[in-house]
Protein backbone atom coordinates (compact mmCIF):
# COMPACT_ATOMS: atom_id res chain seq x y z
CA MET A 1 2.86 -3.37 -8.33
CA LYS A 2 5.30 -5.68 -9.51
CA ARG A 3 8.30 -4.19 -9.84
CA ARG A 4 6.59 -2.58 -11.93
CA SER A 5 7.23 -3.58 -15.15
CA GLU A 6 7.97 -6.96 -15.37
CA ARG A 7 10.90 -6.62 -17.29
CA GLY A 8 10.35 -8.92 -20.01
CA SER A 9 12.38 -11.92 -20.40
CA ARG A 10 14.68 -9.94 -22.55
CA GLY A 11 14.39 -6.40 -21.30
CA VAL A 12 16.56 -4.54 -18.94
CA SER A 13 15.22 -6.32 -16.04
CA ARG A 14 12.19 -4.34 -15.89
CA ARG A 15 10.82 -7.14 -13.85
CA SER A 16 13.13 -6.27 -11.23
CA PHE A 17 11.94 -2.90 -10.98
CA LEU A 18 8.37 -3.65 -10.84
CA GLY A 19 8.25 -6.30 -8.52
CA SER A 20 9.83 -8.94 -10.38
CA THR A 21 8.26 -11.84 -11.90
CA LEU A 22 9.63 -14.28 -9.64
CA ALA A 23 12.87 -15.67 -9.78
CA ALA A 24 14.58 -18.57 -8.58
CA GLY A 25 17.33 -19.96 -6.73
CA ALA A 26 19.85 -21.86 -8.61
CA GLY A 27 19.86 -25.62 -8.35
CA SER A 28 16.30 -26.25 -7.21
CA SER A 29 15.02 -29.83 -7.40
CA LEU A 30 11.41 -30.69 -7.88
CA LEU A 31 9.66 -32.54 -5.15
CA PRO A 32 7.62 -35.44 -6.51
CA ALA A 33 4.07 -34.50 -5.54
CA LEU A 34 2.22 -31.61 -7.16
CA ALA A 35 2.02 -29.90 -3.77
CA GLY A 36 5.28 -31.44 -2.70
CA ALA A 37 6.21 -29.58 0.43
CA ARG A 38 7.01 -31.69 3.46
CA GLU A 39 4.83 -31.28 6.50
CA ILE A 40 5.83 -28.63 9.02
CA ARG A 41 7.05 -29.96 12.35
CA ALA A 42 6.16 -28.13 15.55
CA ASP A 43 9.77 -28.21 16.80
CA GLU A 44 10.89 -26.46 13.54
CA MET A 45 8.30 -23.72 13.95
CA GLN A 46 9.25 -23.16 17.55
CA SER A 47 12.94 -23.09 16.80
CA ALA A 48 12.13 -20.25 14.36
CA GLY A 49 10.45 -18.35 17.20
CA VAL A 50 6.95 -19.05 15.91
CA ARG A 51 4.32 -20.35 18.40
CA PRO A 52 1.15 -22.13 17.36
CA PHE A 53 -1.51 -19.68 16.21
CA GLU A 54 -5.21 -20.08 16.81
CA LEU A 55 -6.21 -18.33 13.58
CA ASP A 56 -3.59 -20.04 11.40
CA GLU A 57 -4.83 -20.56 7.80
CA LEU A 58 -8.42 -19.66 8.67
CA SER A 59 -10.47 -18.40 5.75
CA ILE A 60 -12.97 -15.50 5.72
CA ALA A 61 -15.77 -18.07 6.05
CA ASP A 62 -14.04 -19.72 9.01
CA LEU A 63 -13.70 -16.40 10.80
CA GLN A 64 -17.27 -15.34 10.06
CA SER A 65 -18.50 -18.68 11.36
CA GLY A 66 -16.54 -18.14 14.56
CA MET A 67 -18.14 -14.71 15.00
CA THR A 68 -21.61 -16.13 14.32
CA THR A 69 -21.22 -18.86 16.95
CA GLY A 70 -19.66 -16.47 19.45
CA LYS A 71 -16.25 -18.20 19.44
CA PHE A 72 -14.62 -15.04 18.05
CA THR A 73 -15.34 -11.35 18.01
CA ALA A 74 -13.80 -8.80 15.65
CA ARG A 75 -11.88 -7.33 18.62
CA TYR A 76 -10.57 -10.74 19.63
CA MET A 77 -9.37 -11.56 16.12
CA THR A 78 -7.83 -8.13 15.78
CA GLU A 79 -5.93 -8.59 19.06
CA LYS A 80 -4.73 -12.01 17.91
CA TYR A 81 -3.46 -10.75 14.55
CA LEU A 82 -1.76 -7.80 16.29
CA GLU A 83 -0.04 -10.24 18.68
CA ARG A 84 0.99 -12.39 15.71
CA ILE A 85 2.49 -9.34 13.99
CA GLU A 86 4.53 -8.59 17.09
CA GLN A 87 5.68 -12.17 17.52
CA VAL A 88 6.45 -13.06 13.90
CA ASP A 89 6.92 -9.82 12.02
CA LYS A 90 8.69 -7.67 14.54
CA GLN A 91 10.34 -10.40 16.67
CA GLY A 92 11.13 -14.08 16.13
CA PRO A 93 11.79 -14.59 12.40
CA ALA A 94 11.24 -10.84 11.92
CA VAL A 95 9.54 -11.08 8.50
CA ASN A 96 9.16 -7.27 8.47
CA SER A 97 6.12 -7.17 6.20
CA VAL A 98 4.01 -4.69 8.14
CA ILE A 99 5.28 -1.14 7.91
CA GLU A 100 2.67 0.28 10.36
CA VAL A 101 -0.25 -1.01 12.41
CA ASN A 102 -3.45 0.97 12.69
CA PRO A 103 -3.60 2.64 16.15
CA ASP A 104 -7.42 2.66 15.84
CA ALA A 105 -7.83 -1.02 14.84
CA LEU A 106 -9.14 -2.28 18.19
CA ALA A 107 -11.60 0.59 18.50
CA ILE A 108 -12.88 -0.05 14.97
CA ALA A 109 -13.22 -3.76 15.75
CA GLU A 110 -15.19 -2.97 18.95
CA ALA A 111 -17.56 -0.76 17.05
CA LEU A 112 -18.14 -3.45 14.44
CA ASP A 113 -18.94 -6.01 17.17
CA LYS A 114 -21.47 -3.61 18.63
CA GLU A 115 -23.00 -3.06 15.19
CA ARG A 116 -23.20 -6.83 14.53
CA LYS A 117 -24.94 -7.34 17.91
CA GLU A 118 -27.39 -4.44 17.64
CA LYS A 119 -28.16 -4.61 13.89
CA SER A 120 -26.52 -7.24 11.74
CA ALA A 121 -23.37 -7.97 9.81
CA ARG A 122 -22.82 -5.84 6.70
CA GLY A 123 -21.53 -8.79 4.71
CA PRO A 124 -18.71 -11.34 4.51
CA LEU A 125 -15.97 -8.83 5.45
CA HIS A 126 -17.71 -7.51 8.59
CA GLY A 127 -15.08 -7.62 11.38
CA ILE A 128 -12.40 -9.22 9.15
CA PRO A 129 -8.84 -7.86 9.72
CA VAL A 130 -7.27 -6.79 6.43
CA LEU A 131 -3.80 -5.32 5.59
CA ILE A 132 -3.30 -2.92 2.71
CA LYS A 133 -0.16 -1.84 0.85
CA ASP A 134 1.47 1.41 1.93
CA ASN A 135 0.75 3.13 -1.37
CA ILE A 136 -3.04 3.05 -0.71
CA ASP A 137 -4.32 6.28 0.89
CA THR A 138 -6.10 6.22 4.21
CA ALA A 139 -7.34 9.46 5.80
CA ASP A 140 -6.71 8.33 9.37
CA ARG A 141 -3.80 8.26 11.77
CA MET A 142 -1.70 6.02 9.53
CA GLN A 143 0.85 7.25 6.97
CA THR A 144 0.71 6.52 3.22
CA THR A 145 4.29 6.74 1.87
CA ALA A 146 5.00 4.16 -0.81
CA GLY A 147 7.90 3.31 1.51
CA SER A 148 9.58 6.68 0.90
CA LEU A 149 10.71 9.02 3.63
CA ALA A 150 9.81 11.89 1.26
CA LEU A 151 6.09 11.37 1.98
CA LEU A 152 6.26 11.03 5.75
CA HIS A 153 3.92 13.49 7.50
CA SER A 154 2.27 14.50 4.24
CA ARG A 155 -1.12 13.00 4.81
CA PRO A 156 -3.82 12.21 2.20
CA PRO A 157 -6.95 14.35 2.59
CA ARG A 158 -9.32 11.46 2.03
CA ASP A 159 -9.53 7.69 1.80
CA SER A 160 -8.69 5.91 -1.40
CA PHE A 161 -11.53 4.10 -3.15
CA VAL A 162 -10.09 0.81 -1.87
CA ALA A 163 -10.01 1.93 1.76
CA GLN A 164 -13.50 3.37 1.44
CA LYS A 165 -14.88 0.13 0.07
CA LEU A 166 -13.23 -1.89 2.79
CA ARG A 167 -14.59 0.31 5.52
CA GLU A 168 -18.14 0.26 3.97
CA ALA A 169 -17.96 -3.56 3.97
CA GLY A 170 -17.04 -3.59 7.65
CA ALA A 171 -13.44 -4.72 7.33
CA VAL A 172 -10.92 -3.77 10.04
CA ILE A 173 -7.95 -2.09 8.33
CA LEU A 174 -5.26 -3.61 10.51
CA GLY A 175 -2.35 -1.68 9.08
CA LYS A 176 -0.16 -1.06 6.08
CA THR A 177 2.30 -3.41 4.43
CA ASN A 178 5.86 -2.70 3.35
CA LEU A 179 6.66 -2.70 -0.34
CA SER A 180 9.42 -2.11 -2.84
CA GLU A 181 9.86 1.66 -2.52
CA TRP A 182 7.76 3.58 -5.02
CA ALA A 183 6.47 0.18 -6.14
CA ASN A 184 9.88 -0.71 -7.61
CA ILE A 185 9.98 1.93 -10.27
CA ARG A 186 12.92 3.85 -8.80
CA SER A 187 15.93 1.83 -9.89
CA SER A 188 16.82 -0.86 -12.44
CA HIS A 189 19.12 -2.43 -9.75
CA SER A 190 16.68 -2.43 -6.87
CA THR A 191 16.03 -5.13 -4.35
CA SER A 192 12.36 -6.02 -4.19
CA GLY A 193 10.73 -5.67 -0.79
CA TRP A 194 13.16 -2.94 0.41
CA SER A 195 12.03 0.64 1.17
CA GLY A 196 13.75 3.54 2.85
CA ARG A 197 11.00 3.78 5.42
CA GLY A 198 10.31 0.09 5.96
CA GLY A 199 13.56 -1.72 5.38
CA LEU A 200 13.60 -5.24 3.94
CA THR A 201 10.69 -7.69 3.89
CA LYS A 202 11.72 -11.36 4.05
CA ASN A 203 10.06 -14.42 2.49
CA PRO A 204 8.48 -16.50 5.31
CA TYR A 205 9.30 -19.78 3.54
CA ALA A 206 13.03 -19.07 3.71
CA LEU A 207 14.11 -15.82 5.34
CA ASP A 208 17.15 -15.28 3.10
CA ARG A 209 14.85 -15.38 0.04
CA ASN A 210 12.98 -12.47 -1.56
CA ALA A 211 9.25 -11.92 -1.11
CA CYS A 212 9.06 -10.48 -4.61
CA GLY A 213 8.00 -6.88 -5.09
CA SER A 214 6.41 -4.67 -5.16
CA SER A 215 3.52 -5.95 -3.06
CA SER A 216 6.06 -8.02 -1.12
CA GLY A 217 4.73 -6.98 2.23
CA SER A 218 1.17 -7.93 1.39
CA GLY A 219 2.32 -11.33 0.08
CA ALA A 220 4.56 -12.16 3.02
CA ALA A 221 1.97 -10.98 5.55
CA VAL A 222 -0.86 -13.10 4.17
CA ALA A 223 1.42 -16.12 3.87
CA ALA A 224 2.59 -15.69 7.46
CA ASN A 225 -1.04 -15.40 8.71
CA LEU A 226 -0.65 -11.85 9.97
CA CYS A 227 -4.11 -10.99 8.60
CA ALA A 228 -7.07 -12.72 6.97
CA VAL A 229 -6.49 -11.17 3.51
CA ALA A 230 -4.57 -8.22 2.01
CA VAL A 231 -4.69 -5.83 -0.92
CA GLY A 232 -1.69 -5.25 -3.20
CA THR A 233 -1.22 -3.24 -6.37
CA GLU A 234 0.22 -4.17 -9.72
CA THR A 235 1.56 -2.43 -12.77
CA ASP A 236 3.23 -5.56 -14.15
CA GLY A 237 3.58 -8.56 -11.87
CA SER A 238 3.39 -6.91 -8.46
CA VAL A 239 0.36 -8.85 -7.31
CA VAL A 240 0.94 -12.15 -9.05
CA CYS A 241 4.69 -12.32 -8.41
CA PRO A 242 4.56 -11.99 -4.57
CA ALA A 243 1.48 -14.17 -4.50
CA SER A 244 3.36 -16.95 -6.30
CA ALA A 245 6.57 -16.48 -4.29
CA ASN A 246 4.61 -16.66 -1.02
CA GLY A 247 2.28 -19.53 -1.87
CA LEU A 248 -0.84 -17.44 -2.35
CA VAL A 249 -3.71 -16.72 -4.70
CA GLY A 250 -3.54 -13.26 -6.24
CA ILE A 251 -5.59 -11.64 -8.94
CA LYS A 252 -4.61 -8.66 -11.10
CA PRO A 253 -8.10 -7.67 -12.40
CA THR A 254 -9.09 -6.05 -15.63
CA LEU A 255 -8.04 -2.40 -15.67
CA GLY A 256 -11.05 -0.41 -14.47
CA LEU A 257 -12.68 -3.17 -12.37
CA ILE A 258 -11.29 -1.59 -9.18
CA SER A 259 -10.66 2.17 -8.92
CA ARG A 260 -7.07 3.52 -8.52
CA SER A 261 -8.13 6.85 -6.99
CA GLY A 262 -6.06 7.53 -3.92
CA ILE A 263 -3.28 5.11 -4.84
CA ILE A 264 0.26 6.38 -5.43
CA PRO A 265 0.65 5.73 -9.16
CA ILE A 266 3.16 4.46 -11.64
CA ALA A 267 1.11 4.37 -14.87
CA HIS A 268 -2.60 4.82 -15.50
CA SER A 269 -2.51 2.51 -18.49
CA GLN A 270 -1.51 -0.49 -16.33
CA ASP A 271 -1.93 0.23 -12.56
CA THR A 272 -4.60 -1.65 -10.60
CA PRO A 273 -5.20 -2.89 -7.01
CA GLY A 274 -5.75 -6.59 -6.52
CA PRO A 275 -6.67 -9.11 -3.77
CA MET A 276 -4.00 -11.33 -2.21
CA THR A 277 -5.35 -14.26 -0.23
CA ARG A 278 -4.73 -17.89 0.77
CA THR A 279 -7.68 -19.30 -1.21
CA VAL A 280 -9.53 -18.59 -4.46
CA ARG A 281 -12.76 -18.25 -2.51
CA ASP A 282 -11.32 -15.45 -0.36
CA THR A 283 -10.02 -13.77 -3.48
CA ALA A 284 -13.55 -13.87 -4.94
CA ILE A 285 -15.01 -12.39 -1.77
CA LEU A 286 -12.50 -9.56 -1.62
CA LEU A 287 -12.84 -8.84 -5.31
CA SER A 288 -16.65 -8.53 -4.89
CA VAL A 289 -16.12 -5.90 -2.21
CA LEU A 290 -13.53 -3.85 -4.09
CA ALA A 291 -14.99 -3.82 -7.58
CA GLY A 292 -17.04 -0.79 -8.52
CA GLN A 293 -17.31 2.44 -10.43
CA ASP A 294 -15.73 5.64 -9.17
CA PRO A 295 -16.05 9.11 -10.72
CA ARG A 296 -12.47 9.83 -9.55
CA ASP A 297 -11.15 7.14 -11.94
CA SER A 298 -12.44 7.38 -15.46
CA ALA A 299 -11.20 3.89 -16.31
CA THR A 300 -13.94 2.41 -14.10
CA SER A 301 -16.61 3.72 -16.53
CA ASP A 302 -15.66 0.85 -18.83
CA SER A 303 -16.90 -1.58 -16.21
CA THR A 304 -20.57 -0.73 -16.72
CA GLY A 305 -22.53 -4.00 -16.88
CA LYS A 306 -19.38 -6.02 -16.38
CA ILE A 307 -19.07 -6.18 -12.56
CA SER A 308 -20.52 -9.02 -10.55
CA ALA A 309 -21.88 -8.27 -7.13
CA ASP A 310 -20.75 -11.70 -5.96
CA TYR A 311 -17.84 -13.42 -7.68
CA LYS A 312 -18.19 -16.46 -5.39
CA ARG A 313 -21.05 -17.64 -7.57
CA PHE A 314 -18.54 -18.50 -10.34
CA LEU A 315 -16.59 -20.94 -8.13
CA ASP A 316 -17.13 -24.51 -9.28
CA PRO A 317 -15.02 -27.47 -8.02
CA ASN A 318 -15.52 -28.94 -11.52
CA GLY A 319 -14.48 -25.65 -13.18
CA LEU A 320 -11.86 -27.33 -15.36
CA ARG A 321 -14.28 -29.83 -16.91
CA GLY A 322 -14.62 -28.90 -20.58
CA ALA A 323 -12.57 -25.73 -20.20
CA ARG A 324 -10.25 -25.02 -23.14
CA ILE A 325 -6.89 -24.03 -21.74
CA GLY A 326 -4.07 -22.83 -23.98
CA ILE A 327 -0.48 -23.41 -22.88
CA ALA A 328 1.76 -20.38 -23.48
CA ARG A 329 4.96 -22.45 -23.94
CA LYS A 330 7.13 -19.41 -24.73
CA TYR A 331 6.81 -18.45 -21.10
CA PHE A 332 8.37 -21.81 -20.09
CA GLY A 333 12.03 -22.77 -20.33
CA PHE A 334 13.67 -20.46 -17.78
CA ASN A 335 13.95 -23.19 -15.12
CA ASP A 336 13.71 -26.96 -15.57
CA ALA A 337 12.19 -27.52 -12.15
CA VAL A 338 9.47 -24.99 -12.85
CA ASP A 339 8.73 -26.63 -16.18
CA ALA A 340 8.33 -29.98 -14.36
CA VAL A 341 5.82 -28.46 -11.94
CA MET A 342 3.93 -26.87 -14.80
CA ASN A 343 3.80 -30.10 -16.73
CA ASN A 344 2.33 -31.75 -13.66
CA VAL A 345 -0.23 -28.99 -13.54
CA ILE A 346 -1.14 -29.68 -17.21
CA GLU A 347 -1.59 -33.38 -16.45
CA GLU A 348 -3.81 -32.56 -13.46
CA MET A 349 -5.95 -30.27 -15.61
CA LYS A 350 -6.39 -33.06 -18.13
CA ARG A 351 -7.47 -35.45 -15.32
CA GLN A 352 -10.06 -32.84 -14.30
CA GLY A 353 -11.52 -32.77 -17.83
CA ALA A 354 -9.86 -29.75 -19.33
CA VAL A 355 -9.19 -29.59 -23.05
CA ILE A 356 -5.49 -28.62 -23.44
CA ILE A 357 -4.22 -26.78 -26.51
CA ASP A 358 -0.44 -27.00 -26.43
CA PRO A 359 1.23 -24.84 -27.56
CA ALA A 360 -0.93 -21.74 -27.67
CA ASP A 361 1.59 -18.91 -27.76
CA LEU A 362 0.87 -15.21 -28.21
CA PRO A 363 1.90 -14.23 -31.76
CA SER A 364 3.38 -11.01 -30.34
CA HIS A 365 5.30 -12.66 -27.46
CA GLY A 366 8.32 -10.55 -26.52
CA LYS A 367 7.59 -7.72 -29.03
CA PHE A 368 6.43 -5.03 -26.57
CA ASP A 369 8.98 -5.13 -23.72
CA ASP A 370 10.74 -1.94 -24.73
CA THR A 371 7.60 0.06 -25.56
CA GLU A 372 6.06 -0.98 -22.23
CA PHE A 373 8.98 0.63 -20.39
CA THR A 374 8.70 3.75 -22.54
CA VAL A 375 5.05 4.16 -21.63
CA LEU A 376 5.74 3.67 -17.93
CA LEU A 377 8.44 6.32 -17.94
CA TYR A 378 6.12 8.93 -19.49
CA GLU A 379 3.12 8.13 -17.35
CA LEU A 380 5.11 7.97 -14.16
CA LYS A 381 6.19 11.56 -14.46
CA GLU A 382 2.73 12.91 -15.20
CA ASP A 383 0.63 10.61 -13.01
CA LEU A 384 2.88 11.09 -9.97
CA LYS A 385 2.68 14.87 -10.35
CA ALA A 386 -1.10 14.76 -10.45
CA TYR A 387 -1.22 12.53 -7.33
CA LEU A 388 1.31 14.65 -5.37
CA ALA A 389 -0.84 17.69 -5.97
CA THR A 390 -3.39 16.12 -3.62
CA ARG A 391 -0.78 15.78 -0.82
CA PRO A 392 0.02 19.21 0.73
CA GLY A 393 3.27 19.48 2.71
CA GLY A 394 5.23 17.02 0.61
CA PRO A 395 7.04 16.96 -2.76
CA GLN A 396 4.95 18.18 -5.69
CA SER A 397 6.76 16.54 -8.60
CA LEU A 398 9.05 13.67 -9.54
CA LYS A 399 11.93 16.19 -9.70
CA GLU A 400 11.32 17.18 -6.12
CA VAL A 401 11.35 13.49 -5.11
CA ILE A 402 14.62 12.99 -6.92
CA ASP A 403 16.11 16.02 -5.15
CA PHE A 404 14.91 14.69 -1.79
CA ASN A 405 16.59 11.34 -2.37
CA GLU A 406 19.83 13.08 -3.28
CA ARG A 407 19.73 15.11 -0.11
CA ASN A 408 18.97 12.00 1.93
CA LYS A 409 21.23 9.49 0.10
CA ASP A 410 22.37 7.68 3.27
CA LYS A 411 18.82 6.72 4.16
CA GLU A 412 17.11 6.53 0.75
CA MET A 413 19.90 5.19 -1.48
CA PRO A 414 22.27 3.03 0.60
CA TYR A 415 21.92 0.06 -1.80
CA PHE A 416 20.65 1.35 -5.13
CA ALA A 417 20.05 4.72 -6.77
CA GLN A 418 17.23 6.17 -8.91
CA ASP A 419 18.17 5.81 -12.57
CA ILE A 420 14.57 5.05 -13.61
CA PHE A 421 13.32 8.18 -11.88
CA VAL A 422 15.95 10.21 -13.76
CA LYS A 423 14.97 8.67 -17.06
CA ALA A 424 11.26 9.43 -16.40
CA GLU A 425 12.02 13.00 -15.44
CA ALA A 426 13.71 13.53 -18.83
CA LYS A 427 10.58 12.60 -20.68
CA GLY A 428 8.18 15.09 -22.22
CA PRO A 429 4.40 15.41 -21.94
CA LEU A 430 1.81 12.75 -22.78
CA THR A 431 1.28 14.43 -26.11
CA SER A 432 4.75 13.34 -27.20
CA LYS A 433 4.83 11.18 -30.39
CA GLU A 434 7.20 8.67 -28.81
CA TYR A 435 4.68 8.05 -26.00
CA LEU A 436 1.58 7.91 -28.20
CA ASP A 437 3.24 5.53 -30.64
CA ALA A 438 4.46 3.25 -27.82
CA LEU A 439 1.04 3.19 -26.17
CA GLU A 440 -0.66 2.29 -29.43
CA LYS A 441 1.88 -0.42 -30.16
CA ASN A 442 1.43 -1.87 -26.66
CA ARG A 443 -2.31 -2.06 -26.98
CA GLN A 444 -2.21 -3.57 -30.50
CA LEU A 445 0.39 -6.17 -29.72
CA SER A 446 -0.86 -7.26 -26.29
CA ARG A 447 -4.56 -7.26 -27.15
CA LYS A 448 -5.58 -7.70 -30.78
CA GLU A 449 -2.33 -9.38 -31.87
CA GLY A 450 -1.65 -11.00 -28.56
CA ILE A 451 -4.11 -12.39 -26.04
CA ASP A 452 -7.24 -11.92 -28.17
CA ALA A 453 -5.55 -13.37 -31.25
CA VAL A 454 -4.49 -16.65 -29.62
CA MET A 455 -7.81 -17.04 -27.79
CA ASP A 456 -9.81 -16.46 -30.97
CA LYS A 457 -7.70 -18.84 -33.00
CA ASN A 458 -8.04 -21.66 -30.47
CA ASN A 459 -11.43 -20.81 -28.94
CA LEU A 460 -9.85 -20.65 -25.47
CA ASP A 461 -11.34 -19.99 -22.05
CA ALA A 462 -7.98 -19.15 -20.56
CA ILE A 463 -4.24 -19.15 -21.17
CA MET A 464 -1.93 -20.90 -18.72
CA ALA A 465 1.75 -20.21 -17.94
CA PRO A 466 4.14 -20.37 -14.99
CA THR A 467 3.73 -17.28 -12.84
CA GLY A 468 7.47 -17.32 -12.17
CA ALA A 469 10.26 -19.20 -10.43
CA PRO A 470 10.84 -19.90 -6.72
CA ALA A 471 11.99 -16.98 -4.61
CA TRP A 472 15.52 -15.89 -5.38
CA LEU A 473 18.16 -15.10 -2.72
CA THR A 474 17.86 -11.50 -1.59
CA ASP A 475 20.90 -9.54 -2.74
CA LEU A 476 21.34 -5.97 -1.57
CA VAL A 477 24.62 -5.68 -3.45
CA THR A 478 23.60 -6.39 -7.01
CA GLY A 479 19.80 -6.28 -6.77
CA ASP A 480 17.09 -8.70 -7.91
CA HIS A 481 17.76 -11.95 -9.74
CA ALA A 482 14.43 -12.64 -11.34
CA ILE A 483 14.68 -15.20 -14.16
CA GLY A 484 11.24 -15.64 -15.65
CA GLY A 485 7.52 -14.93 -15.50
CA SER A 486 4.38 -14.46 -17.51
CA SER A 487 2.72 -11.29 -16.17
CA ASN A 488 3.60 -8.85 -18.91
CA ALA A 489 0.99 -9.58 -21.58
CA ALA A 490 -2.00 -9.27 -19.24
CA ALA A 491 -0.41 -6.27 -17.55
CA VAL A 492 0.17 -4.33 -20.77
CA ALA A 493 -3.20 -5.29 -22.20
CA GLY A 494 -4.99 -4.37 -18.95
CA TYR A 495 -6.53 -7.88 -18.89
CA PRO A 496 -7.04 -10.11 -15.85
CA ASP A 497 -4.46 -12.58 -14.51
CA ILE A 498 -4.88 -14.96 -11.54
CA THR A 499 -2.16 -17.02 -9.92
CA VAL A 500 -2.77 -20.15 -7.79
CA PRO A 501 -0.29 -22.23 -5.74
CA ALA A 502 0.95 -25.02 -8.01
CA GLY A 503 3.69 -26.80 -6.11
CA PHE A 504 7.02 -26.52 -4.37
CA ILE A 505 10.67 -26.61 -5.36
CA ASN A 506 12.97 -27.25 -2.44
CA GLY A 507 10.32 -26.03 -0.05
CA LEU A 508 9.72 -22.81 -2.01
CA PRO A 509 6.27 -22.25 -3.54
CA VAL A 510 5.63 -21.59 -7.22
CA GLY A 511 2.33 -20.53 -8.81
CA VAL A 512 0.52 -21.14 -12.04
CA SER A 513 -1.17 -18.25 -13.89
CA PHE A 514 -4.39 -18.18 -15.82
CA PHE A 515 -5.08 -15.10 -17.87
CA GLY A 516 -7.50 -14.13 -20.60
CA ARG A 517 -9.69 -11.49 -22.18
CA ALA A 518 -10.88 -8.26 -20.64
CA TRP A 519 -13.62 -8.77 -18.00
CA SER A 520 -13.14 -12.54 -17.94
CA GLU A 521 -12.75 -12.73 -14.14
CA PRO A 522 -15.75 -15.08 -13.79
CA THR A 523 -14.16 -17.62 -16.18
CA LEU A 524 -10.68 -17.31 -14.65
CA LEU A 525 -12.01 -17.67 -11.13
CA LYS A 526 -13.93 -20.81 -12.18
CA VAL A 527 -10.86 -22.36 -13.80
CA ALA A 528 -8.57 -21.35 -10.90
CA TYR A 529 -10.93 -22.71 -8.30
CA GLY A 530 -11.27 -26.02 -10.13
CA PHE A 531 -7.49 -26.35 -10.21
CA GLU A 532 -7.09 -25.29 -6.57
CA GLN A 533 -9.63 -27.87 -5.37
CA ALA A 534 -7.90 -30.62 -7.29
CA ALA A 535 -4.29 -29.69 -6.44
CA LYS A 536 -4.62 -28.36 -2.86
CA ALA A 537 -1.08 -27.12 -3.19
CA ARG A 538 -1.01 -24.40 -0.53
CA ARG A 539 1.19 -25.12 2.52
CA PRO A 540 1.93 -22.55 5.28
CA PRO A 541 5.53 -21.34 5.65
CA GLN A 542 8.09 -22.73 8.06
CA PHE A 543 10.10 -19.49 8.58
CA LEU A 544 13.32 -21.37 7.91
CA PRO A 545 16.53 -19.29 7.92
CA ARG A 546 17.40 -20.79 4.53
CA VAL A 547 16.26 -23.44 2.09
CA LYS A 548 17.01 -26.99 3.13
CA LEU A 549 18.59 -28.61 0.03
């Protein structure tokens, strides 16, 4: 999830703990073009220990076309991605984004090849290798630990809804990705992308930079072409932040569009899984597979009549023409170089026919940072207890997790402690007045007096803001250095938010976010696709040891 709370621009750095909203290195200079990264040279890639890769940057459609013509099989692609993980993630630049590979991946791929030959393909994900975050349950030979040693060998009894939907669609679950431990809700001084079980994930654009939590592993893996697509989770910023920091498309859908059953939780009022891909089209394909109602997650009952069977149908290369886009200027100003990229984005949207309303700020901007954190603390304690009850052989409460960490300090807390866990443990039940008042305030300020208010006033199709800054230098001594971001309003409201690559600053990617009303995924995908097709800002990483200034 993000770090899981996107610490608001003014809050205690909640962003850090949720996954951060992206942060930036000091002294970044804007490259002139919108997608201003210089071309990658083969000698640079080889010097980083990265060999040319046959499946590099291929989309779901490219891979399906290869299987249709006989150029690829699911087994062949799975072998290639597993080799890539070994060469790039475990050796060479050692990105360290994959916490575990699926020992059954090749057998699953072979079975899917046989099914394709004897029957037909199930759909666009048939045979496609996918990575999922290590807080998403799978009832197979893989672990599900949220990066914590406390959950090793305590296996989920059944697949999560997400894993179930992927399997039904014919995807090959290639493995699990590393994350900020417990999705970055453990400490206010954490380092995003680090877990006791998995160690530290690096940003493939510059290995000394942070991949942004908490879905850091999913972001880095997709960017480094270790899989076709991946699934992350977000409470506040943990899909969009690592997507932006790793040059990807990521969507945090409306709460209830995708079930959370079988996902290690932070807070039921904000948690959601979300696709992380290299293109908007692949995001639409993955979203179509994952969306659906689930009796194990009551929030999905709100999606009745609001889910599309095929989100690709909303993709329009002219999606910006006539679209009314509001500019949330109060999310700007944390970095001059980011502002320059965003202003280029605005000019490009105008050239594509968008109607720009600038400024179009949320009337409640910055007014719910503290109450968001309060809600997360209360829900963490109760939601985690309910989840752990499904996992025999492991801790059964937040208190037991805290005690485990204390007993295993040398492995679990070598860099940062668990002050947020301790604060959550001190909270009362979900009937507490403090919790109920904070939850009501959050919903009022983020929805009616926030996103809905500014969209009604200006008749908007979407709101635009910088997703965050370029990736910050990883710092295991003092923790994250996130300096800005725009994920909190949509996260607290439970509304959709999509980020798309917007440009580069000193070789580091930055994304632009489009967010809007509940269930407005079709409109946001249309707008995002229109911008993506005009900007074409994605560039694969170079695996440089550090940024070249």
